[in-house]
């Protein structure tokens, strides 16, 4: 009985080793085995016992990325034409993934080159700007002031809300704003500036000043009361600017970053192309099939990172991200 059990255990172990050594894909004399794929995934999820792909397409893309990694290990260093300093950098990263380190090295090179090629970078940035006459929108902006009623333990929220309604009504009917600020606000800092708290953009949707200035009913530029974690606000719009196209100078920094990223993407694509072999890749779909199953343990992006795939995305300069001058954010909602 013990002999049979020992034989069964040995047979299972032998079959497991065969399964792990099974070739899933070949490119010339390079191969990717089941154990290669499993090892790549274990790096991101050490609880996975079986590598799983969401589809055959994802499986083939990921296996191709592993082949690319093996191609780099075989001869990628020579293609980089490393300086002595870069050799130190790459050798330091040898205990990590060398392809990943090589791509980081390419990124560093392009950023260094950009410093000495500023005129060309800026010219390209201006090209992007001119090519999108309807792009680079700056959202509507309002300069606002407020009267803040803070909870103090002596007045209930309903009492503060009633007082805020009264202040709003007085302001809408023509009571001088400065008088209302001096009489009612609990914000000592803004009281000295007639309640002014700065400029706010319409896209900062959760800020109480934005709710008051852009989403509340305004009469004589005075809002309905707005509730936040700080208390209840009555907001006044002092000045408005409509949505407009950002000037080149306003978006220049982000465009320059985008141009540098475009150069990095091109450098990565060129390097990967130089690594790829002319020999066709053949896949054993039958051997891959057991690895295809829906799994929530990781997503496709994690898989691509795990397999060291350098996936270049389409370039699109980002729209400007406007930020309010006042960074005090509150979860703004209207009081009921």
Protein backbone atom coordinates (compact mmCIF):
# COMPACT_ATOMS: atom_id res chain seq x y z
CA UNK A 1 0.00 0.00 0.00
CA UNK A 2 2.82 2.40 0.95
CA UNK A 3 4.63 1.52 -2.30
CA UNK A 4 1.54 2.33 -4.36
CA UNK A 5 1.07 5.61 -2.51
CA UNK A 6 4.72 6.55 -3.04
CA UNK A 7 4.39 5.70 -6.75
CA UNK A 8 1.24 7.82 -7.08
CA UNK A 9 2.91 10.80 -5.40
CA UNK A 10 5.94 10.46 -7.66
CA UNK A 11 3.72 10.23 -10.74
CA UNK A 12 1.80 13.38 -9.77
CA UNK A 13 5.07 15.24 -9.18
CA UNK A 14 6.44 14.09 -12.53
CA UNK A 15 3.28 15.16 -14.36
CA UNK A 16 3.40 18.53 -12.62
CA UNK A 17 6.99 19.05 -13.76
CA UNK A 18 6.04 18.12 -17.33
CA UNK A 19 3.10 20.53 -17.22
CA UNK A 20 5.29 23.38 -15.97
CA UNK A 21 7.88 22.68 -18.67
CA UNK A 22 5.25 22.56 -21.43
CA UNK A 23 6.07 25.01 -24.24
CA UNK A 24 3.30 27.53 -24.89
CA UNK A 25 5.04 29.53 -27.61
CA UNK A 26 8.22 29.55 -29.70
CA UNK A 27 10.11 32.19 -31.64
CA UNK A 28 13.19 30.79 -33.29
CA UNK A 29 15.03 28.95 -30.53
CA UNK A 30 13.36 30.98 -27.75
CA UNK A 31 10.46 29.43 -25.86
CA UNK A 32 7.94 30.39 -23.18
CA UNK A 33 6.83 27.59 -20.88
CA UNK A 34 3.99 27.27 -18.43
CA UNK A 35 6.42 27.79 -15.56
CA UNK A 36 7.62 31.07 -17.15
CA UNK A 37 4.07 32.40 -17.24
CA UNK A 38 3.25 31.20 -13.73
CA UNK A 39 6.42 32.78 -12.32
CA UNK A 40 5.55 36.13 -13.91
CA UNK A 41 2.09 36.15 -12.32
CA UNK A 42 3.25 34.95 -8.91
CA UNK A 43 5.31 38.12 -8.75
CA UNK A 44 2.05 40.07 -8.48
CA UNK A 45 -0.18 37.63 -6.66
CA UNK A 46 1.62 35.10 -4.47
CA UNK A 47 -1.70 33.38 -3.72
CA UNK A 48 -2.20 32.31 -7.34
CA UNK A 49 -1.65 28.63 -7.91
CA UNK A 50 -2.59 28.72 -11.57
CA UNK A 51 -1.90 31.48 -14.05
CA UNK A 52 -5.15 32.71 -15.61
CA UNK A 53 -5.74 34.97 -18.61
CA UNK A 54 -9.07 36.61 -19.40
CA UNK A 55 -8.88 35.64 -23.10
CA UNK A 56 -6.68 33.96 -25.69
CA UNK A 57 -5.72 37.40 -27.07
CA UNK A 58 -4.50 38.58 -23.65
CA UNK A 59 -2.62 35.31 -23.22
CA UNK A 60 -0.81 35.70 -26.55
CA UNK A 61 0.04 39.36 -25.89
CA UNK A 62 1.46 38.49 -22.49
CA UNK A 63 3.44 35.50 -23.78
CA UNK A 64 4.83 37.68 -26.59
CA UNK A 65 5.97 40.15 -23.91
CA UNK A 66 7.82 37.34 -22.14
CA UNK A 67 9.55 36.44 -25.41
CA UNK A 68 10.56 40.08 -25.76
CA UNK A 69 12.08 39.99 -22.29
CA UNK A 70 14.10 36.91 -23.21
CA UNK A 71 15.30 38.61 -26.38
CA UNK A 72 16.54 41.53 -24.30
CA UNK A 73 18.39 39.28 -21.86
CA UNK A 74 20.12 37.63 -24.79
CA UNK A 75 21.43 40.77 -26.52
CA UNK A 76 19.64 43.94 -25.51
CA UNK A 77 22.59 45.52 -23.69
CA UNK A 78 24.57 45.78 -26.94
CA UNK A 79 21.69 47.55 -28.69
CA UNK A 80 21.66 50.24 -26.01
CA UNK A 81 25.33 51.19 -26.57
CA UNK A 82 25.76 51.88 -22.88
CA UNK A 83 28.10 54.45 -21.41
CA UNK A 84 30.13 53.41 -18.36
CA UNK A 85 27.75 55.28 -16.11
CA UNK A 86 24.73 53.61 -17.71
CA UNK A 87 26.35 50.19 -17.29
CA UNK A 88 26.57 50.82 -13.56
CA UNK A 89 22.90 51.81 -13.51
CA UNK A 90 21.81 48.71 -15.42
CA UNK A 91 24.02 46.36 -13.40
CA UNK A 92 22.61 47.81 -10.19
CA UNK A 93 19.17 46.88 -11.46
CA UNK A 94 20.22 43.36 -12.46
CA UNK A 95 18.45 41.80 -9.50
CA UNK A 96 15.24 43.36 -10.81
CA UNK A 97 14.00 43.04 -14.32
CA UNK A 98 16.65 44.19 -16.76
CA UNK A 99 14.23 45.10 -19.54
CA UNK A 100 12.27 47.28 -17.17
CA UNK A 101 15.52 48.95 -16.11
CA UNK A 102 16.56 49.42 -19.75
CA UNK A 103 13.30 51.21 -20.54
CA UNK A 104 13.80 53.45 -17.51
CA UNK A 105 17.27 54.20 -18.87
CA UNK A 106 15.78 55.21 -22.22
CA UNK A 107 13.37 57.51 -20.40
CA UNK A 108 16.27 59.14 -18.57
CA UNK A 109 18.19 59.64 -21.82
CA UNK A 110 15.28 61.40 -23.50
CA UNK A 111 14.74 63.73 -20.55
CA UNK A 112 18.42 64.64 -20.55
CA UNK A 113 18.36 65.27 -24.29
CA UNK A 114 15.32 67.52 -23.89
CA UNK A 115 17.35 69.89 -21.70
CA UNK A 116 19.76 70.57 -24.55
CA UNK A 117 17.05 70.67 -27.22
CA UNK A 118 14.69 73.17 -25.63
CA UNK A 119 14.02 75.13 -28.83
CA UNK A 120 12.86 72.05 -30.72
CA UNK A 121 10.76 70.90 -27.75
CA UNK A 122 8.99 74.25 -27.51
CA UNK A 123 8.44 74.38 -31.28
CA UNK A 124 6.77 70.97 -31.14
CA UNK A 125 4.66 72.07 -28.17
CA UNK A 126 3.48 75.11 -30.16
CA UNK A 127 2.57 72.77 -33.04
CA UNK A 128 0.30 70.80 -30.73
CA UNK A 129 -1.30 73.98 -29.45
CA UNK A 130 -1.94 75.42 -32.92
CA UNK A 131 -3.29 72.08 -34.20
CA UNK A 132 -6.13 72.15 -31.65
CA UNK A 133 -7.87 75.53 -31.96
CA UNK A 134 -10.84 74.23 -29.98
CA UNK A 135 -8.77 72.51 -27.30
CA UNK A 136 -7.11 73.46 -24.04
CA UNK A 137 -10.25 74.85 -22.45
CA UNK A 138 -10.05 76.78 -19.21
CA UNK A 139 -13.34 76.33 -17.33
CA UNK A 140 -15.49 79.22 -16.19
CA UNK A 141 -14.05 81.04 -13.19
CA UNK A 142 -15.58 83.15 -10.45
CA UNK A 143 -14.03 85.34 -7.76
CA UNK A 144 -16.16 84.81 -4.68
CA UNK A 145 -16.71 85.98 -1.13
CA UNK A 146 -18.66 84.23 1.58
CA UNK A 147 -20.27 84.57 4.96
CA UNK A 148 -19.60 81.47 7.04
CA UNK A 149 -21.74 80.34 9.94
CA UNK A 150 -19.84 77.76 12.00
CA UNK A 151 -21.52 75.28 14.37
CA UNK A 152 -20.45 76.31 17.87
CA UNK A 153 -22.47 74.02 20.11
CA UNK A 154 -24.80 76.85 21.05
CA UNK A 155 -26.83 76.92 17.81
CA UNK A 156 -28.29 73.91 16.05
CA UNK A 157 -27.84 73.30 12.35
CA UNK A 158 -31.48 74.17 11.76
CA UNK A 159 -30.98 77.50 13.55
CA UNK A 160 -27.86 78.22 11.47
CA UNK A 161 -29.74 77.30 8.30
CA UNK A 162 -32.56 79.71 9.19
CA UNK A 163 -30.03 82.47 9.88
CA UNK A 164 -28.26 81.75 6.58
CA UNK A 165 -31.60 82.05 4.73
CA UNK A 166 -32.16 85.40 6.43
CA UNK A 167 -28.67 86.67 5.46
CA UNK A 168 -29.15 85.51 1.88
CA UNK A 169 -32.51 87.28 1.69
CA UNK A 170 -31.08 90.51 3.10
CA UNK A 171 -28.22 90.44 0.61
CA UNK A 172 -30.50 89.78 -2.32
CA UNK A 173 -32.74 92.67 -1.27
CA UNK A 174 -29.85 95.13 -1.27
CA UNK A 175 -28.34 95.17 2.22
CA UNK A 176 -24.65 96.14 1.80
CA UNK A 177 -22.50 93.01 1.61
CA UNK A 178 -19.79 94.48 3.83
CA UNK A 179 -22.34 95.12 6.56
CA UNK A 180 -23.56 91.53 6.39
CA UNK A 181 -20.00 90.21 6.53
CA UNK A 182 -19.10 92.39 9.53
CA UNK A 183 -22.30 91.40 11.34
CA UNK A 184 -22.55 87.67 10.72
CA UNK A 185 -19.45 85.86 9.42
CA UNK A 186 -17.52 83.50 11.69
CA UNK A 187 -14.54 83.48 9.29
CA UNK A 188 -12.18 86.02 10.85
CA UNK A 189 -9.57 85.62 8.11
CA UNK A 190 -11.87 86.55 5.21
CA UNK A 191 -13.78 89.19 7.20
CA UNK A 192 -10.88 91.61 6.69
CA UNK A 193 -11.31 91.26 2.90
CA UNK A 194 -15.11 91.63 2.76
CA UNK A 195 -15.42 87.85 2.90
CA UNK A 196 -13.33 87.31 -0.23
CA UNK A 197 -11.84 83.81 -0.50
CA UNK A 198 -10.40 83.79 -4.04
CA UNK A 199 -11.00 82.38 -7.50
CA UNK A 200 -12.78 79.10 -8.12
CA UNK A 201 -13.25 77.14 -11.34
CA UNK A 202 -16.49 75.48 -12.33
CA UNK A 203 -14.88 72.04 -12.61
CA UNK A 204 -14.05 71.92 -8.86
CA UNK A 205 -17.44 70.38 -8.34
CA UNK A 206 -17.25 69.43 -4.66
CA UNK A 207 -16.21 72.79 -3.24
CA UNK A 208 -18.90 74.82 -1.42
CA UNK A 209 -17.80 78.03 -3.16
CA UNK A 210 -18.32 76.34 -6.55
CA UNK A 211 -21.71 75.03 -5.53
CA UNK A 212 -22.71 78.52 -4.43
CA UNK A 213 -21.29 80.33 -7.47
CA UNK A 214 -22.25 77.93 -10.26
CA UNK A 215 -25.00 75.58 -9.06
CA UNK A 216 -27.05 77.67 -6.68
CA UNK A 217 -29.77 80.08 -7.71
CA UNK A 218 -28.23 83.58 -7.69
CA UNK A 219 -30.11 86.84 -7.11
CA UNK A 220 -27.97 89.97 -7.27
CA UNK A 221 -25.00 87.54 -7.25
CA UNK A 222 -25.98 86.21 -3.80
CA UNK A 223 -26.41 82.44 -3.50
CA UNK A 224 -28.73 80.22 -1.58
CA UNK A 225 -27.09 78.84 1.60
CA UNK A 226 -24.58 76.03 0.96
CA UNK A 227 -23.66 73.38 3.52
CA UNK A 228 -20.11 72.00 4.04
CA UNK A 229 -18.10 70.38 6.83
CA UNK A 230 -17.07 73.87 7.98
CA UNK A 231 -20.64 75.10 8.40
CA UNK A 232 -23.12 76.99 6.24
CA UNK A 233 -21.99 79.50 3.60
CA UNK A 234 -23.74 82.36 1.89
CA UNK A 235 -21.72 83.01 -1.27
CA UNK A 236 -21.42 86.20 -3.32
CA UNK A 237 -19.94 86.27 -6.82
CA UNK A 238 -17.67 89.30 -7.19
CA UNK A 239 -16.39 88.69 -10.73
CA UNK A 240 -16.98 86.14 -13.49
CA UNK A 241 -14.90 84.81 -16.40
CA UNK A 242 -16.55 82.50 -18.96
CA UNK A 243 -15.09 79.28 -20.31
CA UNK A 244 -12.29 80.10 -22.74
CA UNK A 245 -9.34 78.62 -24.55
CA UNK A 246 -6.19 78.67 -22.47
CA UNK A 247 -3.35 80.77 -23.84
CA UNK A 248 -0.22 79.03 -25.02
CA UNK A 249 1.70 80.39 -22.03
CA UNK A 250 -0.90 78.97 -19.64
CA UNK A 251 -0.62 75.44 -21.04
CA UNK A 252 3.01 75.56 -22.18
CA UNK A 253 4.47 73.52 -19.30
CA UNK A 254 2.02 70.66 -19.76
CA UNK A 255 2.55 70.67 -23.51
CA UNK A 256 6.32 70.47 -23.06
CA UNK A 257 5.86 67.50 -20.69
CA UNK A 258 3.65 65.87 -23.33
CA UNK A 259 6.24 66.41 -26.08
CA UNK A 260 8.97 64.84 -23.93
CA UNK A 261 6.65 61.90 -23.24
CA UNK A 262 6.10 61.56 -26.99
CA UNK A 263 9.87 61.31 -27.48
CA UNK A 264 10.12 58.71 -24.73
CA UNK A 265 7.35 56.66 -26.36
CA UNK A 266 9.13 56.80 -29.72
CA UNK A 267 12.46 55.79 -28.15
CA UNK A 268 10.79 52.82 -26.45
CA UNK A 269 9.06 51.72 -29.65
CA UNK A 270 12.29 51.95 -31.65
CA UNK A 271 14.20 49.93 -29.05
CA UNK A 272 11.54 47.24 -28.84
CA UNK A 273 11.43 47.03 -32.64
CA UNK A 274 15.19 46.49 -32.66
CA UNK A 275 14.76 43.63 -30.19
CA UNK A 276 12.05 41.82 -32.10
CA UNK A 277 13.14 38.93 -34.28
CA UNK A 278 12.06 38.32 -37.86
CA UNK A 279 11.25 34.70 -37.01
CA UNK A 280 7.49 34.23 -36.62
CA UNK A 281 6.03 33.36 -33.24
CA UNK A 282 4.08 30.11 -33.04
CA UNK A 283 1.60 29.46 -30.25
CA UNK A 284 0.30 26.14 -28.96
CA UNK A 285 -3.30 27.18 -28.33
CA UNK A 286 -4.11 23.79 -26.84
CA UNK A 287 -1.36 24.21 -24.25
CA UNK A 288 -2.49 27.77 -23.52
CA UNK A 289 -6.18 26.86 -23.13
CA UNK A 290 -5.92 25.64 -19.48
CA UNK A 291 -4.55 29.06 -18.55
CA UNK A 292 -7.58 30.97 -19.85
CA UNK A 293 -10.27 31.68 -17.29
CA UNK A 294 -11.97 34.72 -15.79
CA UNK A 295 -10.08 35.88 -12.73
CA UNK A 296 -10.49 38.89 -10.45
CA UNK A 297 -7.05 38.48 -8.89
CA UNK A 298 -5.37 40.88 -11.27
CA UNK A 299 -6.27 43.01 -14.24
CA UNK A 300 -4.77 43.23 -17.70
CA UNK A 301 -2.63 46.24 -16.81
CA UNK A 302 -1.06 44.38 -13.88
CA UNK A 303 -0.37 41.46 -16.18
CA UNK A 304 1.34 43.68 -18.70
CA UNK A 305 3.51 45.19 -16.00
CA UNK A 306 4.28 41.77 -14.58
CA UNK A 307 5.40 40.55 -17.98
CA UNK A 308 7.43 43.71 -18.61
CA UNK A 309 5.54 44.70 -21.74
CA UNK A 310 6.30 48.22 -22.93
CA UNK A 311 2.92 49.34 -24.19
CA UNK A 312 3.01 52.80 -25.78
CA UNK A 313 -0.29 54.66 -25.62
CA UNK A 314 -1.54 57.11 -28.24
CA UNK A 315 -0.28 60.61 -27.60
CA UNK A 316 -2.74 63.32 -26.72
CA UNK A 317 -1.75 66.55 -24.96
CA UNK A 318 -3.70 66.83 -21.69
CA UNK A 319 -6.21 69.61 -21.16
CA UNK A 320 -5.17 72.13 -18.48
CA UNK A 321 -6.21 71.26 -14.97
CA UNK A 322 -7.33 74.41 -13.22
CA UNK A 323 -7.10 74.58 -9.44
CA UNK A 324 -8.75 76.99 -7.02
CA UNK A 325 -6.64 79.48 -5.11
CA UNK A 326 -8.24 78.30 -1.89
CA UNK A 327 -7.37 74.67 -1.14
CA UNK A 328 -9.80 74.32 1.75
CA UNK A 329 -12.14 71.71 0.36
CA UNK A 330 -15.47 70.82 1.82
CA UNK A 331 -18.06 68.28 0.85
CA UNK A 332 -20.58 70.75 -0.40
CA UNK A 333 -24.27 70.03 -0.61
CA UNK A 334 -27.29 72.17 -0.35
CA UNK A 335 -29.12 72.07 3.00
CA UNK A 336 -32.50 70.50 2.88
